[in-house]
């Protein structure tokens, strides 16, 4: 995949979990990466893997700051843009709904409005979420299904999809503008609150029981490299300016990886080698996170994604089973206890292992 070599790539949210992995991957592909994001929360993969060393420029700023974002874009003169910056936590969106909507909706407006003034840009991807759908039933969601959202985070991602579609139809005849909707990602280096793997790791390392609020919730679990591979492949197709790719795409796991919280926690414990969990109902939207995992009651009980479109148009499909995804994730966290552990080296090794399984990275 030589499309990224020597290209100017603008990456928002580059200090986050997925953004750090994507920056490392883009660097191996020869891209000139310009990062724009808030300062990372501690602990974080960005600093641990020395991601800043891979960047052509590194701007700490808010996507809600339209002037700062426009200035960074004008300086970088990007050809390809990946917009990952977001408030990505459901329970935080209950505590901070205004900030969530401003970041996830107005941030997209600020980005796309600035892109209108740039002649260098050919490809833009806005990364949203599987939670952007109106989950009226348990049928796997397709890209043409209605959008919705019961909580502020999910609603804001649906709004981001609508904003992107409006800009695409109104202004971007010569720019390929797509959205990407991924499942629930897991992988090494995630330390966010209220995410299943970080909460499990924090509890397991302390020898504590994992608190689970909704063990029966079903999610499309996938390793972080799966959707990132989809984003990169989609961008390569977008570069051709074929309008078939200037649209929305789902990137999720196989149906066998659509499992309950109970199942994934029990598999994590099995791979870890020990541990226990128990349910609790004492965690409302404003409660402190602790080691509790997954969703509030107002979040959809079941989320499923249909990947037919990505398979048909992009020839993309998942490489890892759920057990492989868990094994690779826990291998990363366990390796941190080694005295010779190097975060970036392990991340790059996992990226290289994944690439060897994906034939489109050898073209």
Protein backbone atom coordinates (compact mmCIF):
# COMPACT_ATOMS: atom_id res chain seq x y z
CA UNK A 1 0.00 0.00 0.00
CA UNK A 2 2.27 2.75 -1.35
CA UNK A 3 -0.36 5.48 -1.51
CA UNK A 4 0.73 6.96 1.83
CA UNK A 5 4.46 7.20 1.12
CA UNK A 6 5.59 10.84 1.32
CA UNK A 7 1.96 11.99 1.52
CA UNK A 8 0.97 14.72 3.95
CA UNK A 9 -1.56 13.09 6.28
CA UNK A 10 -3.50 15.10 8.88
CA UNK A 11 -4.61 13.02 11.85
CA UNK A 12 -6.88 14.42 14.53
CA UNK A 13 -7.07 12.58 17.83
CA UNK A 14 -3.53 11.29 17.35
CA UNK A 15 -2.85 11.24 21.11
CA UNK A 16 -5.73 8.83 21.78
CA UNK A 17 -5.73 5.04 21.81
CA UNK A 18 -6.79 4.44 18.20
CA UNK A 19 -5.02 7.57 17.00
CA UNK A 20 -1.68 6.45 18.45
CA UNK A 21 -1.95 3.05 16.78
CA UNK A 22 -2.89 4.69 13.47
CA UNK A 23 0.01 7.16 13.68
CA UNK A 24 2.46 4.31 14.22
CA UNK A 25 1.00 2.40 11.29
CA UNK A 26 1.03 5.42 8.96
CA UNK A 27 4.65 6.03 9.90
CA UNK A 28 5.59 2.50 8.79
CA UNK A 29 3.86 3.27 5.47
CA UNK A 30 6.03 6.35 4.93
CA UNK A 31 3.45 9.08 5.59
CA UNK A 32 4.29 12.59 6.77
CA UNK A 33 1.93 12.78 9.73
CA UNK A 34 0.58 16.02 11.16
CA UNK A 35 -1.18 15.41 14.47
CA UNK A 36 -3.85 17.61 16.04
CA UNK A 37 -5.36 16.63 19.38
CA UNK A 38 -5.86 17.40 23.04
CA UNK A 39 -3.04 16.47 25.38
CA UNK A 40 -3.25 12.77 26.28
CA UNK A 41 -4.68 11.65 29.59
CA UNK A 42 -2.35 9.63 31.80
CA UNK A 43 -1.46 6.82 31.37
CA UNK A 44 -1.52 6.70 27.59
CA UNK A 45 -0.11 4.85 24.59
CA UNK A 46 0.96 8.06 22.84
CA UNK A 47 3.72 8.87 25.33
CA UNK A 48 4.57 5.27 26.19
CA UNK A 49 5.20 4.42 22.51
CA UNK A 50 6.95 7.76 21.80
CA UNK A 51 4.50 8.47 18.99
CA UNK A 52 5.54 12.14 18.84
CA UNK A 53 8.85 11.03 17.33
CA UNK A 54 6.99 9.75 14.27
CA UNK A 55 5.25 13.06 13.51
CA UNK A 56 6.06 15.83 11.07
CA UNK A 57 4.11 18.21 13.33
CA UNK A 58 2.34 17.87 16.66
CA UNK A 59 -0.38 20.36 17.64
CA UNK A 60 -2.06 20.24 21.04
CA UNK A 61 -5.39 21.98 20.57
CA UNK A 62 -9.14 21.42 20.63
CA UNK A 63 -11.22 20.64 17.52
CA UNK A 64 -13.80 23.04 18.94
CA UNK A 65 -11.26 25.83 18.29
CA UNK A 66 -12.06 26.54 14.66
CA UNK A 67 -9.28 29.09 14.18
CA UNK A 68 -6.56 26.83 15.60
CA UNK A 69 -7.76 23.89 13.54
CA UNK A 70 -7.87 25.94 10.35
CA UNK A 71 -4.35 27.25 10.99
CA UNK A 72 -2.95 23.77 11.57
CA UNK A 73 -4.56 22.48 8.39
CA UNK A 74 -3.30 25.40 6.31
CA UNK A 75 0.23 24.83 7.62
CA UNK A 76 0.18 21.07 7.05
CA UNK A 77 -1.34 21.26 3.56
CA UNK A 78 -2.64 17.70 3.86
CA UNK A 79 -3.64 15.44 1.03
CA UNK A 80 -5.35 12.87 3.28
CA UNK A 81 -7.23 13.51 6.53
CA UNK A 82 -8.33 11.04 9.19
CA UNK A 83 -10.64 12.66 11.76
CA UNK A 84 -10.58 10.56 14.94
CA UNK A 85 -10.77 13.34 17.56
CA UNK A 86 -13.87 12.81 19.68
CA UNK A 87 -15.35 12.51 23.14
CA UNK A 88 -15.69 8.74 22.90
CA UNK A 89 -17.06 7.60 26.25
CA UNK A 90 -20.77 6.92 26.78
CA UNK A 91 -20.87 7.52 30.54
CA UNK A 92 -18.85 10.72 30.23
CA UNK A 93 -21.40 11.91 27.69
CA UNK A 94 -24.05 11.66 30.42
CA UNK A 95 -21.91 13.82 32.71
CA UNK A 96 -20.82 16.23 29.96
CA UNK A 97 -23.48 16.23 27.22
CA UNK A 98 -22.74 19.75 25.96
CA UNK A 99 -19.02 19.07 25.65
CA UNK A 100 -19.78 15.79 23.90
CA UNK A 101 -22.01 17.38 21.27
CA UNK A 102 -19.64 20.32 20.77
CA UNK A 103 -16.65 18.02 20.23
CA UNK A 104 -18.34 15.32 18.19
CA UNK A 105 -20.57 17.52 16.05
CA UNK A 106 -19.13 21.03 15.96
CA UNK A 107 -15.65 19.51 15.69
CA UNK A 108 -16.69 17.84 12.42
CA UNK A 109 -18.21 21.11 11.19
CA UNK A 110 -14.99 22.99 12.00
CA UNK A 111 -12.87 20.42 10.18
CA UNK A 112 -14.98 20.18 7.04
CA UNK A 113 -15.47 23.93 6.84
CA UNK A 114 -11.69 24.39 6.94
CA UNK A 115 -11.21 21.70 4.29
CA UNK A 116 -13.42 23.72 1.95
CA UNK A 117 -10.64 26.32 1.81
CA UNK A 118 -7.84 23.84 1.07
CA UNK A 119 -6.88 22.85 -2.47
CA UNK A 120 -4.45 20.10 -1.42
CA UNK A 121 -6.99 17.73 0.17
CA UNK A 122 -8.18 14.73 -1.84
CA UNK A 123 -9.33 12.28 0.84
CA UNK A 124 -11.18 12.83 4.13
CA UNK A 125 -12.46 10.22 6.56
CA UNK A 126 -14.66 11.05 9.53
CA UNK A 127 -14.53 8.20 12.05
CA UNK A 128 -17.84 7.75 13.84
CA UNK A 129 -19.14 4.62 15.60
CA UNK A 130 -21.36 1.55 15.42
CA UNK A 131 -23.47 3.38 18.03
CA UNK A 132 -24.66 5.91 15.42
CA UNK A 133 -27.50 3.58 14.41
CA UNK A 134 -31.09 3.50 15.60
CA UNK A 135 -31.01 -0.02 17.03
CA UNK A 136 -34.70 -0.79 16.86
CA UNK A 137 -33.99 -4.54 16.81
CA UNK A 138 -31.07 -6.98 16.90
CA UNK A 139 -30.59 -7.19 13.13
CA UNK A 140 -27.02 -6.38 12.05
CA UNK A 141 -26.95 -2.73 10.99
CA UNK A 142 -26.21 -1.81 7.37
CA UNK A 143 -24.94 1.57 6.21
CA UNK A 144 -28.37 2.46 4.79
CA UNK A 145 -30.19 1.81 8.09
CA UNK A 146 -31.66 4.72 10.09
CA UNK A 147 -29.37 6.68 12.39
CA UNK A 148 -30.19 7.41 16.01
CA UNK A 149 -28.88 7.17 19.56
CA UNK A 150 -30.37 6.83 23.03
CA UNK A 151 -27.50 8.54 24.88
CA UNK A 152 -25.62 11.79 24.15
CA UNK A 153 -22.56 10.00 22.75
CA UNK A 154 -24.52 7.82 20.32
CA UNK A 155 -26.71 10.72 19.27
CA UNK A 156 -23.66 12.92 18.67
CA UNK A 157 -22.16 10.28 16.37
CA UNK A 158 -25.41 10.08 14.40
CA UNK A 159 -25.32 13.87 14.12
CA UNK A 160 -21.71 13.69 12.87
CA UNK A 161 -22.85 11.34 10.13
CA UNK A 162 -25.58 13.78 9.07
CA UNK A 163 -23.19 16.73 9.09
CA UNK A 164 -20.70 14.81 6.94
CA UNK A 165 -23.40 13.83 4.44
CA UNK A 166 -24.55 17.44 4.17
CA UNK A 167 -21.02 18.72 3.47
CA UNK A 168 -20.42 15.89 0.99
CA UNK A 169 -23.56 16.68 -0.98
CA UNK A 170 -23.19 20.46 -0.76
CA UNK A 171 -19.50 21.22 -1.20
CA UNK A 172 -17.18 18.28 -1.90
CA UNK A 173 -17.41 17.34 -5.56
CA UNK A 174 -13.63 17.03 -5.86
CA UNK A 175 -12.86 15.62 -2.41
CA UNK A 176 -13.68 12.05 -1.44
CA UNK A 177 -15.43 12.29 1.92
CA UNK A 178 -16.30 9.05 3.72
CA UNK A 179 -17.37 7.98 7.18
CA UNK A 180 -16.22 4.82 8.96
CA UNK A 181 -18.24 3.01 11.63
CA UNK A 182 -16.26 0.52 13.71
CA UNK A 183 -17.31 -1.94 16.39
CA UNK A 184 -16.07 -2.08 19.99
CA UNK A 185 -12.29 -2.10 19.70
CA UNK A 186 -9.89 -3.77 22.10
CA UNK A 187 -6.10 -3.80 22.08
CA UNK A 188 -2.96 -2.97 23.98
CA UNK A 189 -2.46 0.57 25.23
CA UNK A 190 -6.05 1.45 26.03
CA UNK A 191 -6.38 2.95 29.52
CA UNK A 192 -9.68 4.83 29.17
CA UNK A 193 -12.36 4.71 31.82
CA UNK A 194 -15.42 2.53 31.27
CA UNK A 195 -13.87 0.36 28.56
CA UNK A 196 -13.93 -3.34 29.04
CA UNK A 197 -10.27 -4.28 28.63
CA UNK A 198 -8.77 -1.41 30.67
CA UNK A 199 -11.26 -2.03 33.46
CA UNK A 200 -10.51 -5.75 33.41
CA UNK A 201 -6.73 -5.19 33.40
CA UNK A 202 -6.91 -2.70 36.28
CA UNK A 203 -8.88 -5.19 38.36
CA UNK A 204 -6.86 -8.26 37.39
CA UNK A 205 -3.52 -6.61 38.12
CA UNK A 206 -4.76 -5.65 41.58
CA UNK A 207 -6.29 -9.06 42.24
CA UNK A 208 -9.74 -7.46 42.51
CA UNK A 209 -13.07 -8.68 41.19
CA UNK A 210 -14.21 -7.07 37.94
CA UNK A 211 -17.46 -5.17 38.43
CA UNK A 212 -19.91 -5.66 35.55
CA UNK A 213 -23.09 -3.64 35.12
CA UNK A 214 -24.63 -5.38 32.12
CA UNK A 215 -23.23 -8.86 31.50
CA UNK A 216 -25.85 -9.68 28.86
CA UNK A 217 -25.12 -6.73 26.55
CA UNK A 218 -23.92 -7.92 23.13
CA UNK A 219 -21.29 -6.00 21.20
CA UNK A 220 -19.24 -6.51 18.01
CA UNK A 221 -15.79 -6.88 19.59
CA UNK A 222 -12.68 -6.47 17.40
CA UNK A 223 -8.95 -5.87 17.74
CA UNK A 224 -7.96 -2.25 17.13
CA UNK A 225 -5.92 -3.16 14.04
CA UNK A 226 -9.01 -4.47 12.25
CA UNK A 227 -10.85 -1.14 11.77
CA UNK A 228 -7.58 0.74 11.27
CA UNK A 229 -6.76 -1.58 8.37
CA UNK A 230 -10.21 -0.76 7.02
CA UNK A 231 -9.59 2.98 7.28
CA UNK A 232 -6.28 2.67 5.44
CA UNK A 233 -7.75 0.48 2.71
CA UNK A 234 -10.74 2.78 2.29
CA UNK A 235 -8.44 5.81 1.99
CA UNK A 236 -6.46 4.04 -0.75
CA UNK A 237 -9.67 3.49 -2.69
CA UNK A 238 -10.86 7.03 -2.02
CA UNK A 239 -7.66 8.33 -3.60
CA UNK A 240 -9.03 7.22 -6.99
CA UNK A 241 -11.87 9.72 -6.45
CA UNK A 242 -14.38 7.01 -7.26
CA UNK A 243 -17.70 8.18 -5.81
CA UNK A 244 -18.48 4.60 -4.75
CA UNK A 245 -16.08 5.17 -1.85
CA UNK A 246 -17.27 8.64 -0.84
CA UNK A 247 -19.87 7.23 1.50
CA UNK A 248 -20.29 5.35 4.80
CA UNK A 249 -18.63 2.01 5.59
CA UNK A 250 -18.95 -0.43 8.48
CA UNK A 251 -15.81 -2.13 9.80
CA UNK A 252 -16.60 -4.80 12.34
CA UNK A 253 -15.90 -8.41 13.26
CA UNK A 254 -17.47 -11.64 12.07
CA UNK A 255 -20.79 -12.69 13.56
CA UNK A 256 -18.96 -15.12 15.84
CA UNK A 257 -17.35 -12.13 17.57
CA UNK A 258 -20.72 -10.55 18.39
CA UNK A 259 -20.73 -11.87 21.95
CA UNK A 260 -21.95 -10.76 25.35
CA UNK A 261 -20.00 -8.90 27.99
CA UNK A 262 -20.18 -12.02 30.16
CA UNK A 263 -18.52 -14.10 27.45
CA UNK A 264 -15.70 -11.69 26.69
CA UNK A 265 -14.87 -11.18 30.38
CA UNK A 266 -14.75 -14.93 30.97
CA UNK A 267 -12.46 -15.35 27.95
CA UNK A 268 -10.22 -12.53 29.20
CA UNK A 269 -9.96 -14.20 32.61
CA UNK A 270 -9.17 -17.55 30.96
CA UNK A 271 -6.33 -16.07 28.89
CA UNK A 272 -5.04 -14.04 31.85
CA UNK A 273 -4.91 -17.20 33.93
CA UNK A 274 -6.98 -16.13 36.95
CA UNK A 275 -9.57 -13.63 38.08
CA UNK A 276 -13.22 -13.24 38.93
CA UNK A 277 -16.13 -10.91 38.25
CA UNK A 278 -19.51 -10.03 39.68
CA UNK A 279 -22.46 -7.90 38.67
CA UNK A 280 -23.50 -4.64 40.23
CA UNK A 281 -26.41 -2.29 39.63
CA UNK A 282 -25.08 0.59 41.69
CA UNK A 283 -23.42 2.48 38.87
CA UNK A 284 -25.66 5.22 37.49
CA UNK A 285 -24.67 7.74 34.82
CA UNK A 286 -22.96 10.09 37.28
CA UNK A 287 -21.24 7.51 39.45
CA UNK A 288 -17.45 7.18 39.63
CA UNK A 289 -16.15 4.62 37.11
CA UNK A 290 -14.08 2.35 39.36
CA UNK A 291 -13.62 -1.03 37.68
CA UNK A 292 -17.17 -1.24 36.28
CA UNK A 293 -17.45 -2.03 32.59
CA UNK A 294 -19.73 -1.58 29.62
CA UNK A 295 -22.99 0.28 29.27
CA UNK A 296 -25.65 2.23 31.12
CA UNK A 297 -29.21 0.97 30.93
CA UNK A 298 -30.16 3.57 28.34
CA UNK A 299 -27.59 2.23 25.90
CA UNK A 300 -28.73 -0.40 23.38
CA UNK A 301 -28.64 -3.96 24.71
CA UNK A 302 -27.44 -5.35 21.38
CA UNK A 303 -25.26 -3.85 18.65
CA UNK A 304 -24.42 -5.75 15.50
CA UNK A 305 -22.73 -4.63 12.28
CA UNK A 306 -23.11 -5.94 8.73
CA UNK A 307 -19.85 -5.81 6.74
CA UNK A 308 -21.20 -6.82 3.33
CA UNK A 309 -20.44 -3.44 1.78
CA UNK A 310 -16.79 -3.36 2.90
CA UNK A 311 -16.33 -6.95 1.76
CA UNK A 312 -17.89 -6.29 -1.65
CA UNK A 313 -16.39 -2.92 -2.56
CA UNK A 314 -13.10 -2.97 -0.62
CA UNK A 315 -12.46 -6.72 -0.38
CA UNK A 316 -11.88 -6.10 3.34
CA UNK A 317 -12.72 -8.69 5.94
CA UNK A 318 -11.66 -9.34 9.55
CA UNK A 319 -8.48 -11.34 10.12
CA UNK A 320 -8.79 -12.15 13.81
CA UNK A 321 -11.29 -14.33 15.62
CA UNK A 322 -12.49 -13.05 18.98
CA UNK A 323 -10.06 -15.41 20.71
CA UNK A 324 -7.14 -14.11 18.61
CA UNK A 325 -8.16 -10.53 19.38
CA UNK A 326 -8.20 -11.24 23.11
CA UNK A 327 -4.91 -13.16 22.96
CA UNK A 328 -3.11 -10.34 21.10
CA UNK A 329 -4.56 -7.76 23.48
CA UNK A 330 -3.55 -9.56 26.68
CA UNK A 331 -0.15 -10.45 25.23
CA UNK A 332 0.48 -6.70 25.01
CA UNK A 333 -0.57 -5.98 28.60
CA UNK A 334 1.30 -8.96 30.02
CA UNK A 335 4.47 -7.97 28.15
CA UNK A 336 4.52 -4.64 30.01
CA UNK A 337 5.71 -6.49 33.10
CA UNK A 338 8.87 -7.64 31.32
CA UNK A 339 12.02 -5.69 32.24
CA UNK A 340 12.92 -5.52 28.54
CA UNK A 341 9.51 -4.32 27.36
CA UNK A 342 9.50 -1.66 24.64
CA UNK A 343 6.03 -0.36 23.85
CA UNK A 344 6.68 0.89 20.35
CA UNK A 345 8.55 -2.26 19.34
CA UNK A 346 5.68 -4.47 20.43
CA UNK A 347 3.10 -2.28 18.67
CA UNK A 348 5.13 -2.32 15.45
CA UNK A 349 5.57 -6.09 15.73
CA UNK A 350 1.82 -6.57 16.08
CA UNK A 351 1.21 -4.26 13.11
CA UNK A 352 3.73 -6.21 11.02
CA UNK A 353 2.11 -9.53 12.03
CA UNK A 354 -1.28 -8.20 10.99
CA UNK A 355 0.01 -6.84 7.68
CA UNK A 356 1.39 -10.22 6.76
CA UNK A 357 -2.15 -11.59 6.91
CA UNK A 358 -3.64 -8.80 4.76
CA UNK A 359 -2.75 -9.16 1.11
CA UNK A 360 -3.68 -5.58 0.20
CA UNK A 361 -0.73 -4.24 2.23
CA UNK A 362 1.63 -5.98 -0.18
CA UNK A 363 0.36 -4.17 -3.29
